[in-house]
Amino acid sequence: MSWGVGIDFDLLILLFYAWVMTTQTLLKNINIQIKKERSPLVVLSLNQWQQIEDIISELSSPQLLESIREARKDYKKAKTYRELRKSLLK
């Protein structure tokens, strides 16, 4: 059915259904590979891998984790940057 706007909605629905089915099939295949202990290949650039390594090493730091916890508490309390800066400069 076309509604006079140049879009065939039946075709659009069919394409969407095909996309959903393809996505589900891909996810099912990945799940099967993981269960068979054949994990899917992931390709990253060197820069992306270095960023991941940095994040892992930073999150392994107890001091950094404590700092993150404190920052989250301040955020939940809606503590502004000025208030935080004043308290740090005292």
PDB file of N, CA and C in Angstrom:
ATOM      1  N   MET A   1       0.843  -1.168   0.000  1.00  0.00           N
ATOM      2  CA  MET A   1       0.000   0.000   0.000  1.00  0.00           C
ATOM      3  C   MET A   1       0.892   1.236   0.000  1.00  0.00           C
ATOM      4  N   SER A   2       0.583   2.182  -0.848  1.00  0.00           N
ATOM      5  CA  SER A   2       1.320   3.437  -0.893  1.00  0.00           C
ATOM      6  C   SER A   2       0.365   4.553  -0.510  1.00  0.00           C
ATOM      7  N   TRP A   3       0.804   5.463   0.323  1.00  0.00           N
ATOM      8  CA  TRP A   3      -0.065   6.533   0.794  1.00  0.00           C
ATOM      9  C   TRP A   3       0.200   7.850   0.079  1.00  0.00           C
ATOM     10  N   GLY A   4       0.756   7.780  -1.091  1.00  0.00           N
ATOM     11  CA  GLY A   4       0.964   8.979  -1.893  1.00  0.00           C
ATOM     12  C   GLY A   4       2.182   9.786  -1.494  1.00  0.00           C
ATOM     13  N   VAL A   5       3.027   9.249  -0.652  1.00  0.00           N
ATOM     14  CA  VAL A   5       4.227   9.977  -0.249  1.00  0.00           C
ATOM     15  C   VAL A   5       5.479   9.319  -0.800  1.00  0.00           C
ATOM     16  N   GLY A   6       5.301   8.377  -1.699  1.00  0.00           N
ATOM     17  CA  GLY A   6       6.444   7.734  -2.327  1.00  0.00           C
ATOM     18  C   GLY A   6       7.045   6.616  -1.499  1.00  0.00           C
ATOM     19  N   ILE A   7       6.360   6.201  -0.431  1.00  0.00           N
ATOM     20  CA  ILE A   7       6.873   5.129   0.414  1.00  0.00           C
ATOM     21  C   ILE A   7       5.912   3.954   0.335  1.00  0.00           C
ATOM     22  N   ASP A   8       6.422   2.814   0.010  1.00  0.00           N
ATOM     23  CA  ASP A   8       5.616   1.597  -0.007  1.00  0.00           C
ATOM     24  C   ASP A   8       5.749   0.966   1.381  1.00  0.00           C
ATOM     25  N   PHE A   9       4.715   1.142   2.200  1.00  0.00           N
ATOM     26  CA  PHE A   9       4.788   0.688   3.585  1.00  0.00           C
ATOM     27  C   PHE A   9       4.850  -0.832   3.703  1.00  0.00           C
ATOM     28  N   ASP A  10       4.235  -1.541   2.775  1.00  0.00           N
ATOM     29  CA  ASP A  10       4.342  -3.001   2.800  1.00  0.00           C
ATOM     30  C   ASP A  10       5.796  -3.430   2.613  1.00  0.00           C
ATOM     31  N   LEU A  11       6.482  -2.775   1.682  1.00  0.00           N
ATOM     32  CA  LEU A  11       7.890  -3.082   1.457  1.00  0.00           C
ATOM     33  C   LEU A  11       8.720  -2.703   2.679  1.00  0.00           C
ATOM     34  N   LEU A  12       8.403  -1.560   3.273  1.00  0.00           N
ATOM     35  CA  LEU A  12       9.117  -1.107   4.460  1.00  0.00           C
ATOM     36  C   LEU A  12       8.950  -2.104   5.607  1.00  0.00           C
ATOM     37  N   ILE A  13       7.734  -2.591   5.806  1.00  0.00           N
ATOM     38  CA  ILE A  13       7.472  -3.576   6.855  1.00  0.00           C
ATOM     39  C   ILE A  13       8.218  -4.870   6.556  1.00  0.00           C
ATOM     40  N   LEU A  14       8.212  -5.281   5.301  1.00  0.00           N
ATOM     41  CA  LEU A  14       8.914  -6.497   4.902  1.00  0.00           C
ATOM     42  C   LEU A  14      10.419  -6.370   5.145  1.00  0.00           C
ATOM     43  N   LEU A  15      10.987  -5.210   4.799  1.00  0.00           N
ATOM     44  CA  LEU A  15      12.417  -4.983   5.021  1.00  0.00           C
ATOM     45  C   LEU A  15      12.753  -4.978   6.512  1.00  0.00           C
ATOM     46  N   PHE A  16      11.883  -4.354   7.304  1.00  0.00           N
ATOM     47  CA  PHE A  16      12.105  -4.323   8.749  1.00  0.00           C
ATOM     48  C   PHE A  16      12.059  -5.740   9.322  1.00  0.00           C
ATOM     49  N   TYR A  17      11.079  -6.530   8.891  1.00  0.00           N
ATOM     50  CA  TYR A  17      10.956  -7.913   9.348  1.00  0.00           C
ATOM     51  C   TYR A  17      12.209  -8.711   8.972  1.00  0.00           C
ATOM     52  N   ALA A  18      12.699  -8.504   7.758  1.00  0.00           N
ATOM     53  CA  ALA A  18      13.907  -9.206   7.308  1.00  0.00           C
ATOM     54  C   ALA A  18      15.105  -8.797   8.157  1.00  0.00           C
ATOM     55  N   TRP A  19      15.188  -7.505   8.503  1.00  0.00           N
ATOM     56  CA  TRP A  19      16.286  -7.019   9.337  1.00  0.00           C
ATOM     57  C   TRP A  19      16.223  -7.650  10.723  1.00  0.00           C
ATOM     58  N   VAL A  20      15.023  -7.699  11.313  1.00  0.00           N
ATOM     59  CA  VAL A  20      14.857  -8.296  12.638  1.00  0.00           C
ATOM     60  C   VAL A  20      15.242  -9.767  12.604  1.00  0.00           C
ATOM     61  N   MET A  21      14.774 -10.476  11.587  1.00  0.00           N
ATOM     62  CA  MET A  21      15.081 -11.904  11.487  1.00  0.00           C
ATOM     63  C   MET A  21      16.581 -12.128  11.289  1.00  0.00           C
ATOM     64  N   THR A  22      17.220 -11.286  10.481  1.00  0.00           N
ATOM     65  CA  THR A  22      18.664 -11.403  10.261  1.00  0.00           C
ATOM     66  C   THR A  22      19.418 -11.147  11.559  1.00  0.00           C
ATOM     67  N   THR A  23      19.009 -10.106  12.281  1.00  0.00           N
ATOM     68  CA  THR A  23      19.652  -9.778  13.548  1.00  0.00           C
ATOM     69  C   THR A  23      19.489 -10.921  14.543  1.00  0.00           C
ATOM     70  N   GLN A  24      18.287 -11.469  14.633  1.00  0.00           N
ATOM     71  CA  GLN A  24      18.047 -12.582  15.556  1.00  0.00           C
ATOM     72  C   GLN A  24      18.883 -13.799  15.176  1.00  0.00           C
ATOM     73  N   THR A  25      18.991 -14.064  13.891  1.00  0.00           N
ATOM     74  CA  THR A  25      19.796 -15.195  13.427  1.00  0.00           C
ATOM     75  C   THR A  25      21.263 -14.994  13.778  1.00  0.00           C
ATOM     76  N   LEU A  26      21.765 -13.774  13.566  1.00  0.00           N
ATOM     77  CA  LEU A  26      23.159 -13.484  13.905  1.00  0.00           C
ATOM     78  C   LEU A  26      23.408 -13.658  15.398  1.00  0.00           C
ATOM     79  N   LEU A  27      22.494 -13.136  16.219  1.00  0.00           N
ATOM     80  CA  LEU A  27      22.655 -13.265  17.664  1.00  0.00           C
ATOM     81  C   LEU A  27      22.606 -14.729  18.095  1.00  0.00           C
ATOM     82  N   LYS A  28      21.713 -15.494  17.478  1.00  0.00           N
ATOM     83  CA  LYS A  28      21.620 -16.917  17.798  1.00  0.00           C
ATOM     84  C   LYS A  28      22.920 -17.631  17.430  1.00  0.00           C
ATOM     85  N   ASN A  29      23.486 -17.301  16.274  1.00  0.00           N
ATOM     86  CA  ASN A  29      24.750 -17.922  15.855  1.00  0.00           C
ATOM     87  C   ASN A  29      25.898 -17.560  16.792  1.00  0.00           C
ATOM     88  N   ILE A  30      25.942 -16.303  17.226  1.00  0.00           N
ATOM     89  CA  ILE A  30      26.981 -15.879  18.171  1.00  0.00           C
ATOM     90  C   ILE A  30      26.819 -16.635  19.482  1.00  0.00           C
ATOM     91  N   ASN A  31      25.572 -16.771  19.943  1.00  0.00           N
ATOM     92  CA  ASN A  31      25.301 -17.499  21.179  1.00  0.00           C
ATOM     93  C   ASN A  31      25.763 -18.951  21.070  1.00  0.00           C
ATOM     94  N   ILE A  32      25.500 -19.576  19.941  1.00  0.00           N
ATOM     95  CA  ILE A  32      25.926 -20.967  19.724  1.00  0.00           C
ATOM     96  C   ILE A  32      27.447 -21.061  19.738  1.00  0.00           C
ATOM     97  N   GLN A  33      28.121 -20.113  19.086  1.00  0.00           N
ATOM     98  CA  GLN A  33      29.586 -20.126  19.056  1.00  0.00           C
ATOM     99  C   GLN A  33      30.161 -19.979  20.459  1.00  0.00           C
ATOM    100  N   ILE A  34      29.560 -19.099  21.257  1.00  0.00           N
ATOM    101  CA  ILE A  34      30.052 -18.888  22.618  1.00  0.00           C
ATOM    102  C   ILE A  34      29.847 -20.156  23.448  1.00  0.00           C
ATOM    103  N   LYS A  35      28.681 -20.782  23.310  1.00  0.00           N
ATOM    104  CA  LYS A  35      28.409 -22.006  24.067  1.00  0.00           C
ATOM    105  C   LYS A  35      29.358 -23.127  23.673  1.00  0.00           C
ATOM    106  N   LYS A  36      29.797 -23.137  22.436  1.00  0.00           N
ATOM    107  CA  LYS A  36      30.745 -24.157  21.976  1.00  0.00           C
ATOM    108  C   LYS A  36      32.185 -23.722  22.240  1.00  0.00           C
ATOM    109  N   GLU A  37      32.333 -22.657  23.029  1.00  0.00           N
ATOM    110  CA  GLU A  37      33.635 -22.102  23.390  1.00  0.00           C
ATOM    111  C   GLU A  37      34.427 -21.611  22.188  1.00  0.00           C
ATOM    112  N   ARG A  38      33.732 -21.209  21.162  1.00  0.00           N
ATOM    113  CA  ARG A  38      34.375 -20.557  20.018  1.00  0.00           C
ATOM    114  C   ARG A  38      33.876 -19.120  20.017  1.00  0.00           C
ATOM    115  N   SER A  39      34.554 -18.280  20.741  1.00  0.00           N
ATOM    116  CA  SER A  39      34.094 -16.903  20.849  1.00  0.00           C
ATOM    117  C   SER A  39      34.271 -16.172  19.523  1.00  0.00           C
ATOM    118  N   PRO A  40      33.377 -15.213  19.246  1.00  0.00           N
ATOM    119  CA  PRO A  40      33.471 -14.470  17.990  1.00  0.00           C
ATOM    120  C   PRO A  40      34.706 -13.570  17.971  1.00  0.00           C
ATOM    121  N   LEU A  41      35.186 -13.278  16.811  1.00  0.00           N
ATOM    122  CA  LEU A  41      36.356 -12.439  16.623  1.00  0.00           C
ATOM    123  C   LEU A  41      35.974 -10.975  16.806  1.00  0.00           C
ATOM    124  N   VAL A  42      36.791 -10.253  17.540  1.00  0.00           N
ATOM    125  CA  VAL A  42      36.590  -8.820  17.719  1.00  0.00           C
ATOM    126  C   VAL A  42      37.842  -8.126  17.214  1.00  0.00           C
ATOM    127  N   VAL A  43      37.666  -7.170  16.322  1.00  0.00           N
ATOM    128  CA  VAL A  43      38.796  -6.446  15.753  1.00  0.00           C
ATOM    129  C   VAL A  43      38.771  -5.021  16.290  1.00  0.00           C
ATOM    130  N   LEU A  44      39.892  -4.613  16.874  1.00  0.00           N
ATOM    131  CA  LEU A  44      40.031  -3.264  17.415  1.00  0.00           C
ATOM    132  C   LEU A  44      41.300  -2.639  16.862  1.00  0.00           C
ATOM    133  N   SER A  45      41.267  -1.331  16.755  1.00  0.00           N
ATOM    134  CA  SER A  45      42.499  -0.637  16.380  1.00  0.00           C
ATOM    135  C   SER A  45      43.425  -0.620  17.597  1.00  0.00           C
ATOM    136  N   LEU A  46      44.692  -0.363  17.365  1.00  0.00           N
ATOM    137  CA  LEU A  46      45.656  -0.301  18.462  1.00  0.00           C
ATOM    138  C   LEU A  46      45.252   0.780  19.460  1.00  0.00           C
ATOM    139  N   ASN A  47      44.782   1.907  18.962  1.00  0.00           N
ATOM    140  CA  ASN A  47      44.360   3.004  19.824  1.00  0.00           C
ATOM    141  C   ASN A  47      43.197   2.580  20.723  1.00  0.00           C
ATOM    142  N   GLN A  48      42.209   1.896  20.152  1.00  0.00           N
ATOM    143  CA  GLN A  48      41.076   1.431  20.947  1.00  0.00           C
ATOM    144  C   GLN A  48      41.537   0.438  22.019  1.00  0.00           C
ATOM    145  N   TRP A  49      42.434  -0.472  21.654  1.00  0.00           N
ATOM    146  CA  TRP A  49      42.936  -1.454  22.611  1.00  0.00           C
ATOM    147  C   TRP A  49      43.689  -0.767  23.749  1.00  0.00           C
ATOM    148  N   GLN A  50      44.490   0.252  23.428  1.00  0.00           N
ATOM    149  CA  GLN A  50      45.220   0.979  24.459  1.00  0.00           C
ATOM    150  C   GLN A  50      44.263   1.704  25.396  1.00  0.00           C
ATOM    151  N   GLN A  51      43.165   2.233  24.851  1.00  0.00           N
ATOM    152  CA  GLN A  51      42.169   2.878  25.702  1.00  0.00           C
ATOM    153  C   GLN A  51      41.534   1.870  26.658  1.00  0.00           C
ATOM    154  N   ILE A  52      41.246   0.686  26.157  1.00  0.00           N
ATOM    155  CA  ILE A  52      40.677  -0.361  27.008  1.00  0.00           C
ATOM    156  C   ILE A  52      41.661  -0.749  28.110  1.00  0.00           C
ATOM    157  N   GLU A  53      42.928  -0.902  27.755  1.00  0.00           N
ATOM    158  CA  GLU A  53      43.950  -1.224  28.760  1.00  0.00           C
ATOM    159  C   GLU A  53      44.047  -0.126  29.813  1.00  0.00           C
ATOM    160  N   ASP A  54      43.990   1.139  29.382  1.00  0.00           N
ATOM    161  CA  ASP A  54      44.045   2.261  30.320  1.00  0.00           C
ATOM    162  C   ASP A  54      42.869   2.223  31.286  1.00  0.00           C
ATOM    163  N   ILE A  55      41.688   1.969  30.765  1.00  0.00           N
ATOM    164  CA  ILE A  55      40.495   1.914  31.611  1.00  0.00           C
ATOM    165  C   ILE A  55      40.624   0.788  32.632  1.00  0.00           C
ATOM    166  N   ILE A  56      41.081  -0.371  32.190  1.00  0.00           N
ATOM    167  CA  ILE A  56      41.235  -1.509  33.100  1.00  0.00           C
ATOM    168  C   ILE A  56      42.256  -1.194  34.190  1.00  0.00           C
ATOM    169  N   SER A  57      43.379  -0.604  33.812  1.00  0.00           N
ATOM    170  CA  SER A  57      44.405  -0.294  34.818  1.00  0.00           C
ATOM    171  C   SER A  57      43.926   0.790  35.777  1.00  0.00           C
ATOM    172  N   GLU A  58      43.197   1.779  35.273  1.00  0.00           N
ATOM    173  CA  GLU A  58      42.677   2.827  36.146  1.00  0.00           C
ATOM    174  C   GLU A  58      41.654   2.263  37.125  1.00  0.00           C
ATOM    175  N   LEU A  59      40.789   1.383  36.646  1.00  0.00           N
ATOM    176  CA  LEU A  59      39.767   0.813  37.518  1.00  0.00           C
ATOM    177  C   LEU A  59      40.343  -0.210  38.490  1.00  0.00           C
ATOM    178  N   SER A  60      41.598  -0.580  38.312  1.00  0.00           N
ATOM    179  CA  SER A  60      42.270  -1.477  39.252  1.00  0.00           C
ATOM    180  C   SER A  60      42.898  -0.694  40.402  1.00  0.00           C
ATOM    181  N   SER A  61      42.851   0.617  40.321  1.00  0.00           N
ATOM    182  CA  SER A  61      43.453   1.472  41.339  1.00  0.00           C
ATOM    183  C   SER A  61      42.451   1.742  42.469  1.00  0.00           C
ATOM    184  N   PRO A  62      42.762   1.335  43.709  1.00  0.00           N
ATOM    185  CA  PRO A  62      41.848   1.586  44.830  1.00  0.00           C
ATOM    186  C   PRO A  62      41.597   3.075  45.066  1.00  0.00           C
ATOM    187  N   GLN A  63      42.638   3.897  44.890  1.00  0.00           N
ATOM    188  CA  GLN A  63      42.466   5.338  45.097  1.00  0.00           C
ATOM    189  C   GLN A  63      41.491   5.924  44.079  1.00  0.00           C
ATOM    190  N   LEU A  64      41.619   5.496  42.841  1.00  0.00           N
ATOM    191  CA  LEU A  64      40.729   6.004  41.804  1.00  0.00           C
ATOM    192  C   LEU A  64      39.296   5.557  42.055  1.00  0.00           C
ATOM    193  N   LEU A  65      39.115   4.308  42.457  1.00  0.00           N
ATOM    194  CA  LEU A  65      37.769   3.815  42.740  1.00  0.00           C
ATOM    195  C   LEU A  65      37.128   4.596  43.887  1.00  0.00           C
ATOM    196  N   GLU A  66      37.912   4.910  44.917  1.00  0.00           N
ATOM    197  CA  GLU A  66      37.388   5.706  46.028  1.00  0.00           C
ATOM    198  C   GLU A  66      37.016   7.107  45.551  1.00  0.00           C
ATOM    199  N   SER A  67      37.839   7.684  44.700  1.00  0.00           N
ATOM    200  CA  SER A  67      37.548   9.004  44.141  1.00  0.00           C
ATOM    201  C   SER A  67      36.261   8.983  43.321  1.00  0.00           C
ATOM    202  N   ILE A  68      36.060   7.924  42.567  1.00  0.00           N
ATOM    203  CA  ILE A  68      34.836   7.791  41.769  1.00  0.00           C
ATOM    204  C   ILE A  68      33.625   7.680  42.685  1.00  0.00           C
ATOM    205  N   ARG A  69      33.746   6.891  43.775  1.00  0.00           N
ATOM    206  CA  ARG A  69      32.634   6.754  44.730  1.00  0.00           C
ATOM    207  C   ARG A  69      32.268   8.110  45.331  1.00  0.00           C
ATOM    208  N   GLU A  70      33.281   8.870  45.737  1.00  0.00           N
ATOM    209  CA  GLU A  70      33.032  10.190  46.315  1.00  0.00           C
ATOM    210  C   GLU A  70      32.379  11.122  45.298  1.00  0.00           C
ATOM    211  N   ALA A  71      32.849  11.085  44.067  1.00  0.00           N
ATOM    212  CA  ALA A  71      32.277  11.946  43.028  1.00  0.00           C
ATOM    213  C   ALA A  71      30.815  11.585  42.768  1.00  0.00           C
ATOM    214  N   ARG A  72      30.498  10.295  42.790  1.00  0.00           N
ATOM    215  CA  ARG A  72      29.106   9.883  42.592  1.00  0.00           C
ATOM    216  C   ARG A  72      28.224  10.356  43.738  1.00  0.00           C
ATOM    217  N   LYS A  73      28.755  10.304  44.968  1.00  0.00           N
ATOM    218  CA  LYS A  73      27.995  10.806  46.119  1.00  0.00           C
ATOM    219  C   LYS A  73      27.732  12.301  45.955  1.00  0.00           C
ATOM    220  N   ASP A  74      28.768  13.047  45.566  1.00  0.00           N
ATOM    221  CA  ASP A  74      28.606  14.487  45.345  1.00  0.00           C
ATOM    222  C   ASP A  74      27.583  14.757  44.251  1.00  0.00           C
ATOM    223  N   TYR A  75      27.616  13.963  43.207  1.00  0.00           N
ATOM    224  CA  TYR A  75      26.671  14.138  42.101  1.00  0.00           C
ATOM    225  C   TYR A  75      25.244  13.898  42.580  1.00  0.00           C
ATOM    226  N   LYS A  76      25.048  12.841  43.378  1.00  0.00           N
ATOM    227  CA  LYS A  76      23.709  12.540  43.891  1.00  0.00           C
ATOM    228  C   LYS A  76      23.209  13.636  44.820  1.00  0.00           C
ATOM    229  N   LYS A  77      24.136  14.273  45.551  1.00  0.00           N
ATOM    230  CA  LYS A  77      23.772  15.376  46.440  1.00  0.00           C
ATOM    231  C   LYS A  77      23.613  16.687  45.679  1.00  0.00           C
ATOM    232  N   ALA A  78      23.842  16.655  44.367  1.00  0.00           N
ATOM    233  CA  ALA A  78      23.768  17.834  43.494  1.00  0.00           C
ATOM    234  C   ALA A  78      24.754  18.904  43.945  1.00  0.00           C
ATOM    235  N   LYS A  79      25.900  18.477  44.399  1.00  0.00           N
ATOM    236  CA  LYS A  79      26.942  19.396  44.828  1.00  0.00           C
ATOM    237  C   LYS A  79      27.560  20.045  43.594  1.00  0.00           C
ATOM    238  N   THR A  80      27.584  21.365  43.570  1.00  0.00           N
ATOM    239  CA  THR A  80      28.103  22.067  42.402  1.00  0.00           C
ATOM    240  C   THR A  80      29.628  22.109  42.423  1.00  0.00           C
ATOM    241  N   TYR A  81      30.187  22.438  41.287  1.00  0.00           N
ATOM    242  CA  TYR A  81      31.641  22.514  41.159  1.00  0.00           C
ATOM    243  C   TYR A  81      32.208  23.578  42.097  1.00  0.00           C
ATOM    244  N   ARG A  82      31.524  24.718  42.202  1.00  0.00           N
ATOM    245  CA  ARG A  82      32.026  25.792  43.082  1.00  0.00           C
ATOM    246  C   ARG A  82      32.069  25.331  44.539  1.00  0.00           C
ATOM    247  N   GLU A  83      30.997  24.660  44.985  1.00  0.00           N
ATOM    248  CA  GLU A  83      30.972  24.165  46.362  1.00  0.00           C
ATOM    249  C   GLU A  83      32.089  23.157  46.590  1.00  0.00           C
ATOM    250  N   LEU A  84      32.269  22.290  45.645  1.00  0.00           N
ATOM    251  CA  LEU A  84      33.308  21.278  45.755  1.00  0.00           C
ATOM    252  C   LEU A  84      34.693  21.927  45.782  1.00  0.00           C
ATOM    253  N   ARG A  85      34.898  22.910  44.931  1.00  0.00           N
ATOM    254  CA  ARG A  85      36.197  23.592  44.862  1.00  0.00           C
ATOM    255  C   ARG A  85      36.486  24.333  46.167  1.00  0.00           C
ATOM    256  N   LYS A  86      35.452  25.003  46.719  1.00  0.00           N
ATOM    257  CA  LYS A  86      35.635  25.709  47.994  1.00  0.00           C
ATOM    258  C   LYS A  86      36.024  24.738  49.099  1.00  0.00           C
ATOM    259  N   SER A  87      35.361  23.587  49.134  1.00  0.00           N
ATOM    260  CA  SER A  87      35.670  22.613  50.190  1.00  0.00           C
ATOM    261  C   SER A  87      37.075  22.040  50.020  1.00  0.00           C
ATOM    262  N   LEU A  88      37.543  21.919  48.789  1.00  0.00           N
ATOM    263  CA  LEU A  88      38.889  21.397  48.555  1.00  0.00           C
ATOM    264  C   LEU A  88      39.970  22.424  48.870  1.00  0.00           C
ATOM    265  N   LEU A  89      39.659  23.712  48.698  1.00  0.00           N
ATOM    266  CA  LEU A  89      40.651  24.764  48.929  1.00  0.00           C
ATOM    267  C   LEU A  89      40.759  25.161  50.395  1.00  0.00           C
ATOM    268  N   LYS A  90      39.865  24.679  51.236  1.00  0.00           N
ATOM    269  CA  LYS A  90      39.920  25.038  52.663  1.00  0.00           C
ATOM    270  C   LYS A  90      41.083  24.394  53.348  1.00  0.00           C
TER     271      LYS A  90
END
